[in-house]
Amino acid sequence: MKSNRIPICLVLVSTAFFPSRLLVASSPSKVLSKVHYEQYAGEQKDWPRSTEPIALVKTRYGLPIYEKLPSRPYEVLGTMSDEGDHAVKHVVEAARLIEADALLIVGDKAFADAGLKVSPQLMENAEIPDPRGPTTVSRLDHPEALTTKDEHPTIRVTRMCAILVRWTTK
């Protein structure tokens, strides 16, 4: 095979194994439509910070997620939430579009006083009571509920509610 045919073969193979819809990034409007976003339009304050050097939960999909207040100064951009198998991924992707530097999943009185109506949380595959489940369970009525007589039916939930922040130099 001649060397000028190799690039053509690579293009053909790559399009066969990686369809073009996987190579094209989602549009910003499509990414934002997957989450519930509320922009913060209030006054930027000296938001509460930790006295400890860092309180990072983890970095998922390239964005830090804090479960304790960060030690650096920041401004609040808004709140974002999603529920479902890809909730964390959807929130992080949308937060990046809004140019957030980090996500906070910690509450504070200052946030509530500023009018942010969110209870920050991150639940990944958490078992919670099934809101549609019957109070008395039988396998015929609710076959996916595997409970004993004393247990209530549960479902697994992945949910993220976060405060979006951008670092400042204050």
Protein backbone atom coordinates (compact mmCIF):
# COMPACT_ATOMS: atom_id res chain seq x y z
CA MET A 1 0.00 0.00 0.00
CA LYS A 2 1.36 3.41 -0.91
CA SER A 3 1.95 5.96 1.84
CA ASN A 4 -0.53 8.47 0.36
CA ARG A 5 -3.36 5.92 0.83
CA ILE A 6 -2.78 5.52 4.58
CA PRO A 7 -4.48 8.81 5.61
CA ILE A 8 -7.54 7.94 3.51
CA CYS A 9 -7.76 4.51 5.13
CA LEU A 10 -7.46 6.07 8.61
CA VAL A 11 -10.29 8.50 7.85
CA LEU A 12 -12.52 5.68 6.61
CA VAL A 13 -11.77 3.52 9.64
CA SER A 14 -12.28 6.38 12.11
CA THR A 15 -15.67 7.31 10.62
CA ALA A 16 -16.76 3.70 10.77
CA PHE A 17 -15.84 3.29 14.44
CA PHE A 18 -16.54 6.87 15.62
CA PRO A 19 -19.72 8.26 14.07
CA SER A 20 -19.67 11.99 13.39
CA ARG A 21 -22.35 12.64 16.01
CA LEU A 22 -19.86 11.51 18.66
CA LEU A 23 -17.12 13.78 17.36
CA VAL A 24 -19.27 16.93 17.26
CA ALA A 25 -19.73 18.69 20.60
CA SER A 26 -23.25 19.41 21.80
CA SER A 27 -24.56 22.88 21.20
CA PRO A 28 -24.66 25.22 24.21
CA SER A 29 -28.45 25.41 24.14
CA LYS A 30 -28.71 21.62 24.14
CA VAL A 31 -26.32 21.31 27.09
CA LEU A 32 -28.19 23.98 29.07
CA SER A 33 -31.56 22.38 28.28
CA LYS A 34 -30.53 19.27 30.25
CA VAL A 35 -30.28 21.17 33.56
CA HIS A 36 -32.28 23.65 35.62
CA TYR A 37 -30.23 26.87 35.85
CA GLU A 38 -31.08 30.01 37.79
CA GLN A 39 -28.72 32.93 37.31
CA TYR A 40 -27.88 34.93 40.42
CA ALA A 41 -28.65 38.61 39.85
CA GLY A 42 -28.21 39.87 43.40
CA GLU A 43 -25.38 41.80 44.98
CA GLN A 44 -21.98 40.09 45.10
CA LYS A 45 -20.86 40.01 48.71
CA ASP A 46 -17.86 38.85 50.60
CA TRP A 47 -19.18 35.28 50.50
CA PRO A 48 -18.33 32.92 53.36
CA ARG A 49 -15.05 31.04 53.11
CA SER A 50 -13.29 28.29 54.97
CA THR A 51 -10.32 29.02 57.20
CA GLU A 52 -8.81 25.69 56.15
CA PRO A 53 -6.57 25.70 53.06
CA ILE A 54 -8.80 23.54 50.84
CA ALA A 55 -11.93 21.46 51.17
CA LEU A 56 -12.28 19.79 47.79
CA VAL A 57 -14.64 16.85 47.31
CA LYS A 58 -13.46 15.71 43.93
CA THR A 59 -12.86 16.80 40.42
CA ARG A 60 -15.39 15.30 38.06
CA TYR A 61 -15.35 15.97 34.35
CA GLY A 62 -12.64 18.59 34.87
CA LEU A 63 -14.41 20.86 37.39
CA PRO A 64 -13.80 20.94 41.16
CA ILE A 65 -16.76 20.12 43.40
CA TYR A 66 -16.59 21.40 46.99
CA GLU A 67 -18.60 19.95 49.87
CA LYS A 68 -17.11 22.50 52.30
CA LEU A 69 -16.64 26.20 51.72
CA PRO A 70 -13.54 26.99 49.66
CA SER A 71 -10.76 29.11 51.14
CA ARG A 72 -10.44 31.43 48.13
CA PRO A 73 -12.66 34.44 47.40
CA TYR A 74 -15.39 33.88 44.82
CA GLU A 75 -18.50 35.34 43.24
CA VAL A 76 -21.77 33.44 42.90
CA LEU A 77 -23.01 32.93 39.34
CA GLY A 78 -26.20 31.05 40.16
CA THR A 79 -27.57 27.61 40.95
CA MET A 80 -27.91 24.53 38.81
CA SER A 81 -29.54 21.14 39.29
CA ASP A 82 -30.28 17.92 37.48
CA GLU A 83 -31.50 14.45 38.31
CA GLY A 84 -30.82 11.13 36.61
CA ASP A 85 -27.97 8.83 35.68
CA HIS A 86 -25.85 11.60 34.13
CA ALA A 87 -26.79 14.44 36.50
CA VAL A 88 -23.22 15.27 37.54
CA LYS A 89 -21.97 15.24 33.96
CA HIS A 90 -24.83 17.48 32.77
CA VAL A 91 -24.32 20.01 35.57
CA VAL A 92 -20.55 20.16 35.04
CA GLU A 93 -20.87 20.59 31.26
CA ALA A 94 -23.44 23.36 31.66
CA ALA A 95 -21.42 25.05 34.43
CA ARG A 96 -18.41 25.18 32.12
CA LEU A 97 -20.52 26.97 29.49
CA ILE A 98 -21.42 29.60 32.07
CA GLU A 99 -17.68 29.86 32.84
CA ALA A 100 -17.93 28.65 36.43
CA ASP A 101 -14.65 27.73 38.10
CA ALA A 102 -16.15 25.39 40.70
CA LEU A 103 -19.36 23.93 42.11
CA LEU A 104 -20.36 24.20 45.76
CA ILE A 105 -22.55 21.52 47.27
CA VAL A 106 -22.52 23.14 50.67
CA GLY A 107 -25.17 25.39 52.17
CA ASP A 108 -24.67 28.49 54.27
CA LYS A 109 -26.98 31.07 55.82
CA ALA A 110 -25.40 33.76 53.59
CA PHE A 111 -26.65 31.96 50.47
CA ALA A 112 -30.20 31.72 51.81
CA ASP A 113 -30.10 35.38 52.94
CA ALA A 114 -29.02 36.37 49.41
CA GLY A 115 -32.12 34.67 47.97
CA LEU A 116 -30.59 31.50 46.54
CA LYS A 117 -33.44 29.00 46.70
CA VAL A 118 -31.51 25.77 46.58
CA SER A 119 -30.43 23.16 49.04
CA PRO A 120 -27.04 22.10 47.64
CA GLN A 121 -26.56 18.34 47.56
CA LEU A 122 -24.91 15.53 45.67
CA MET A 123 -26.52 12.11 45.83
CA GLU A 124 -25.06 9.39 43.66
CA ASN A 125 -27.00 6.14 43.53
CA ALA A 126 -28.58 6.96 46.88
CA GLU A 127 -31.48 4.85 48.10
CA ILE A 128 -34.47 6.97 49.02
CA PRO A 129 -38.09 6.03 49.78
CA ASP A 130 -40.06 5.42 46.59
CA PRO A 131 -42.65 8.23 46.38
CA ARG A 132 -44.81 6.11 44.06
CA GLY A 133 -44.34 2.91 46.04
CA PRO A 134 -47.25 1.34 47.88
CA THR A 135 -47.29 1.40 51.67
CA THR A 136 -47.75 -2.37 51.74
CA VAL A 137 -45.70 -4.11 49.11
CA SER A 138 -46.38 -7.32 47.32
CA ARG A 139 -44.30 -8.65 44.45
CA LEU A 140 -47.40 -8.60 42.21
CA ASP A 141 -48.19 -4.93 42.84
CA HIS A 142 -44.63 -3.63 42.78
CA PRO A 143 -42.32 -6.36 41.37
CA GLU A 144 -39.16 -4.22 41.27
CA ALA A 145 -39.35 -3.52 45.00
CA LEU A 146 -37.35 -6.14 46.84
CA THR A 147 -38.29 -5.52 50.42
CA THR A 148 -39.11 -7.47 53.48
CA LYS A 149 -42.23 -6.93 55.56
CA ASP A 150 -40.53 -4.27 57.73
CA GLU A 151 -38.84 -2.32 54.90
CA HIS A 152 -40.39 0.38 52.75
CA PRO A 153 -39.79 0.30 48.98
CA THR A 154 -36.86 2.38 47.81
CA ILE A 155 -35.48 3.67 44.54
CA ARG A 156 -31.93 4.63 43.54
CA VAL A 157 -31.45 8.30 42.74
CA THR A 158 -28.63 10.41 41.37
CA ARG A 159 -29.27 14.11 41.96
CA MET A 160 -27.08 17.20 42.03
CA CYS A 161 -27.99 20.70 43.18
CA ALA A 162 -25.02 23.08 43.20
CA ILE A 163 -24.03 26.71 43.54
CA LEU A 164 -21.85 27.88 40.65
CA VAL A 165 -18.90 30.09 41.57
CA ARG A 166 -16.12 31.95 39.81
CA TRP A 167 -12.86 32.79 41.60
CA THR A 168 -12.10 36.47 42.26
CA THR A 169 -9.01 38.33 43.42
CA LYS A 170 -10.61 40.24 46.33
